[in-house]
């Protein structure tokens, strides 16, 4: 039984980290731009969002660390590419939760 408590705490920390990673609006936009069955790099996403590639690269690394994205091996000097992690169905669910909360906040602000 002692092991189950530790496992629950680890899952809670993991869930907290995932929510914190997706709480950033730019990271959510990056995830929305990621092709379902393809890959993207920081420069291409930065062009889509009119953002600095270095900032996008940082956020891509955070999303990879939390398990939302996975890196795609490329031969150097090619820049790193990323794609949605197939083992991360939680990403779409969390994005939908954030979208719902944003809609509620927008509606509450109109009253």
C-alpha atoms as a PDB file:
ATOM      1  CA  UNK A   1       0.000   0.000   0.000  1.00  0.00           C
ATOM      2  CA  UNK A   2       2.849   2.395   0.695  1.00  0.00           C
ATOM      3  CA  UNK A   3       3.845   2.319  -2.987  1.00  0.00           C
ATOM      4  CA  UNK A   4       0.392   3.344  -4.159  1.00  0.00           C
ATOM      5  CA  UNK A   5       0.538   6.620  -2.244  1.00  0.00           C
ATOM      6  CA  UNK A   6       3.823   7.580  -3.902  1.00  0.00           C
ATOM      7  CA  UNK A   7       2.444   6.694  -7.318  1.00  0.00           C
ATOM      8  CA  UNK A   8      -0.576   8.909  -6.730  1.00  0.00           C
ATOM      9  CA  UNK A   9       1.600  11.808  -5.679  1.00  0.00           C
ATOM     10  CA  UNK A  10       3.749  11.348  -8.774  1.00  0.00           C
ATOM     11  CA  UNK A  11       0.667  11.375 -11.018  1.00  0.00           C
ATOM     12  CA  UNK A  12      -0.578  14.510  -9.248  1.00  0.00           C
ATOM     13  CA  UNK A  13       2.761  16.252  -9.822  1.00  0.00           C
ATOM     14  CA  UNK A  14       2.757  15.141 -13.446  1.00  0.00           C
ATOM     15  CA  UNK A  15      -0.796  16.442 -13.920  1.00  0.00           C
ATOM     16  CA  UNK A  16       0.150  19.732 -12.244  1.00  0.00           C
ATOM     17  CA  UNK A  17       3.191  20.141 -14.499  1.00  0.00           C
ATOM     18  CA  UNK A  18       1.135  19.379 -17.616  1.00  0.00           C
ATOM     19  CA  UNK A  19      -1.525  21.929 -16.640  1.00  0.00           C
ATOM     20  CA  UNK A  20       1.140  24.521 -15.881  1.00  0.00           C
ATOM     21  CA  UNK A  21       2.779  23.897 -19.258  1.00  0.00           C
ATOM     22  CA  UNK A  22      -0.520  24.249 -21.133  1.00  0.00           C
ATOM     23  CA  UNK A  23      -1.602  27.265 -19.088  1.00  0.00           C
ATOM     24  CA  UNK A  24       0.632  29.455 -21.247  1.00  0.00           C
ATOM     25  CA  UNK A  25      -1.467  30.776 -24.169  1.00  0.00           C
ATOM     26  CA  UNK A  26       1.432  30.648 -26.633  1.00  0.00           C
ATOM     27  CA  UNK A  27       2.001  26.965 -25.900  1.00  0.00           C
ATOM     28  CA  UNK A  28      -1.665  26.258 -26.552  1.00  0.00           C
ATOM     29  CA  UNK A  29      -1.411  28.079 -29.881  1.00  0.00           C
ATOM     30  CA  UNK A  30       1.671  26.052 -30.773  1.00  0.00           C
ATOM     31  CA  UNK A  31      -0.182  22.821 -30.033  1.00  0.00           C
ATOM     32  CA  UNK A  32      -3.111  23.928 -32.172  1.00  0.00           C
ATOM     33  CA  UNK A  33      -0.753  24.602 -35.081  1.00  0.00           C
ATOM     34  CA  UNK A  34       0.973  21.230 -34.852  1.00  0.00           C
ATOM     35  CA  UNK A  35      -0.102  18.942 -37.687  1.00  0.00           C
ATOM     36  CA  UNK A  36      -1.814  15.780 -36.409  1.00  0.00           C
ATOM     37  CA  UNK A  37       0.271  13.437 -38.557  1.00  0.00           C
ATOM     38  CA  UNK A  38       3.240  15.632 -39.372  1.00  0.00           C
ATOM     39  CA  UNK A  39       6.044  17.570 -37.838  1.00  0.00           C
ATOM     40  CA  UNK A  40       7.041  21.198 -37.463  1.00  0.00           C
ATOM     41  CA  UNK A  41      10.050  23.258 -36.467  1.00  0.00           C
ATOM     42  CA  UNK A  42      10.397  26.471 -34.489  1.00  0.00           C
ATOM     43  CA  UNK A  43      10.997  28.688 -37.536  1.00  0.00           C
ATOM     44  CA  UNK A  44       7.823  27.563 -39.290  1.00  0.00           C
ATOM     45  CA  UNK A  45       5.664  27.969 -36.194  1.00  0.00           C
ATOM     46  CA  UNK A  46       7.252  31.345 -35.459  1.00  0.00           C
ATOM     47  CA  UNK A  47       6.352  32.522 -38.973  1.00  0.00           C
ATOM     48  CA  UNK A  48       2.738  31.390 -38.474  1.00  0.00           C
ATOM     49  CA  UNK A  49       2.489  33.227 -35.160  1.00  0.00           C
ATOM     50  CA  UNK A  50       4.659  36.236 -36.094  1.00  0.00           C
ATOM     51  CA  UNK A  51       6.899  35.392 -33.135  1.00  0.00           C
ATOM     52  CA  UNK A  52      10.622  35.119 -32.495  1.00  0.00           C
ATOM     53  CA  UNK A  53      11.920  31.620 -33.385  1.00  0.00           C
ATOM     54  CA  UNK A  54      13.997  31.453 -30.202  1.00  0.00           C
ATOM     55  CA  UNK A  55      10.906  32.011 -28.052  1.00  0.00           C
ATOM     56  CA  UNK A  56       9.018  29.343 -29.949  1.00  0.00           C
ATOM     57  CA  UNK A  57      11.959  26.931 -29.604  1.00  0.00           C
ATOM     58  CA  UNK A  58      11.886  27.416 -25.821  1.00  0.00           C
ATOM     59  CA  UNK A  59       8.158  26.674 -25.649  1.00  0.00           C
ATOM     60  CA  UNK A  60       8.579  23.631 -27.911  1.00  0.00           C
ATOM     61  CA  UNK A  61      11.152  22.260 -25.469  1.00  0.00           C
ATOM     62  CA  UNK A  62       8.781  22.811 -22.534  1.00  0.00           C
ATOM     63  CA  UNK A  63       6.030  20.972 -24.427  1.00  0.00           C
ATOM     64  CA  UNK A  64       8.430  18.134 -25.180  1.00  0.00           C
ATOM     65  CA  UNK A  65       9.482  17.922 -21.532  1.00  0.00           C
ATOM     66  CA  UNK A  66       5.883  17.636 -20.324  1.00  0.00           C
ATOM     67  CA  UNK A  67       5.185  14.912 -22.896  1.00  0.00           C
ATOM     68  CA  UNK A  68       2.869  16.825 -25.232  1.00  0.00           C
ATOM     69  CA  UNK A  69       5.356  16.693 -28.106  1.00  0.00           C
ATOM     70  CA  UNK A  70       8.193  14.444 -29.118  1.00  0.00           C
ATOM     71  CA  UNK A  71      11.356  15.312 -30.932  1.00  0.00           C
ATOM     72  CA  UNK A  72      12.043  14.016 -34.424  1.00  0.00           C
ATOM     73  CA  UNK A  73      15.614  12.934 -35.093  1.00  0.00           C
ATOM     74  CA  UNK A  74      17.273  14.935 -37.886  1.00  0.00           C
ATOM     75  CA  UNK A  75      20.825  14.956 -39.085  1.00  0.00           C
ATOM     76  CA  UNK A  76      22.780  18.005 -37.912  1.00  0.00           C
ATOM     77  CA  UNK A  77      22.828  20.848 -38.751  1.00  0.00           C
ATOM     78  CA  UNK A  78      19.075  20.556 -39.367  1.00  0.00           C
ATOM     79  CA  UNK A  79      17.020  22.303 -36.688  1.00  0.00           C
ATOM     80  CA  UNK A  80      15.027  20.063 -34.353  1.00  0.00           C
ATOM     81  CA  UNK A  81      11.544  19.098 -35.488  1.00  0.00           C
ATOM     82  CA  UNK A  82       8.632  18.174 -33.256  1.00  0.00           C
ATOM     83  CA  UNK A  83       5.399  16.248 -33.631  1.00  0.00           C
ATOM     84  CA  UNK A  84       2.485  15.456 -31.324  1.00  0.00           C
ATOM     85  CA  UNK A  85       3.329  12.648 -28.946  1.00  0.00           C
ATOM     86  CA  UNK A  86       1.148   9.641 -29.748  1.00  0.00           C
ATOM     87  CA  UNK A  87       1.040   8.666 -26.070  1.00  0.00           C
ATOM     88  CA  UNK A  88      -0.447  12.051 -25.094  1.00  0.00           C
ATOM     89  CA  UNK A  89      -4.211  11.979 -25.685  1.00  0.00           C
ATOM     90  CA  UNK A  90      -4.471  14.189 -22.597  1.00  0.00           C
ATOM     91  CA  UNK A  91      -3.287  17.162 -24.663  1.00  0.00           C
ATOM     92  CA  UNK A  92      -6.514  17.599 -26.673  1.00  0.00           C
ATOM     93  CA  UNK A  93      -8.612  17.084 -23.551  1.00  0.00           C
ATOM     94  CA  UNK A  94      -6.669  19.728 -21.640  1.00  0.00           C
ATOM     95  CA  UNK A  95      -6.809  22.152 -24.570  1.00  0.00           C
ATOM     96  CA  UNK A  96     -10.593  21.742 -24.636  1.00  0.00           C
ATOM     97  CA  UNK A  97     -10.758  22.431 -20.880  1.00  0.00           C
ATOM     98  CA  UNK A  98      -8.700  25.617 -21.255  1.00  0.00           C
ATOM     99  CA  UNK A  99     -10.845  26.711 -24.226  1.00  0.00           C
ATOM    100  CA  UNK A 100     -14.030  26.177 -22.205  1.00  0.00           C
ATOM    101  CA  UNK A 101     -12.611  28.157 -19.291  1.00  0.00           C
ATOM    102  CA  UNK A 102     -11.565  30.971 -21.641  1.00  0.00           C
ATOM    103  CA  UNK A 103     -15.076  31.086 -23.147  1.00  0.00           C
ATOM    104  CA  UNK A 104     -16.597  31.252 -19.673  1.00  0.00           C
ATOM    105  CA  UNK A 105     -14.213  34.067 -18.720  1.00  0.00           C
ATOM    106  CA  UNK A 106     -15.120  35.960 -21.899  1.00  0.00           C
ATOM    107  CA  UNK A 107     -18.840  35.592 -21.224  1.00  0.00           C
ATOM    108  CA  UNK A 108     -18.420  36.631 -17.609  1.00  0.00           C
ATOM    109  CA  UNK A 109     -16.613  39.786 -18.688  1.00  0.00           C
ATOM    110  CA  UNK A 110     -19.519  40.918 -20.853  1.00  0.00           C
ATOM    111  CA  UNK A 111     -22.035  41.165 -18.019  1.00  0.00           C
END
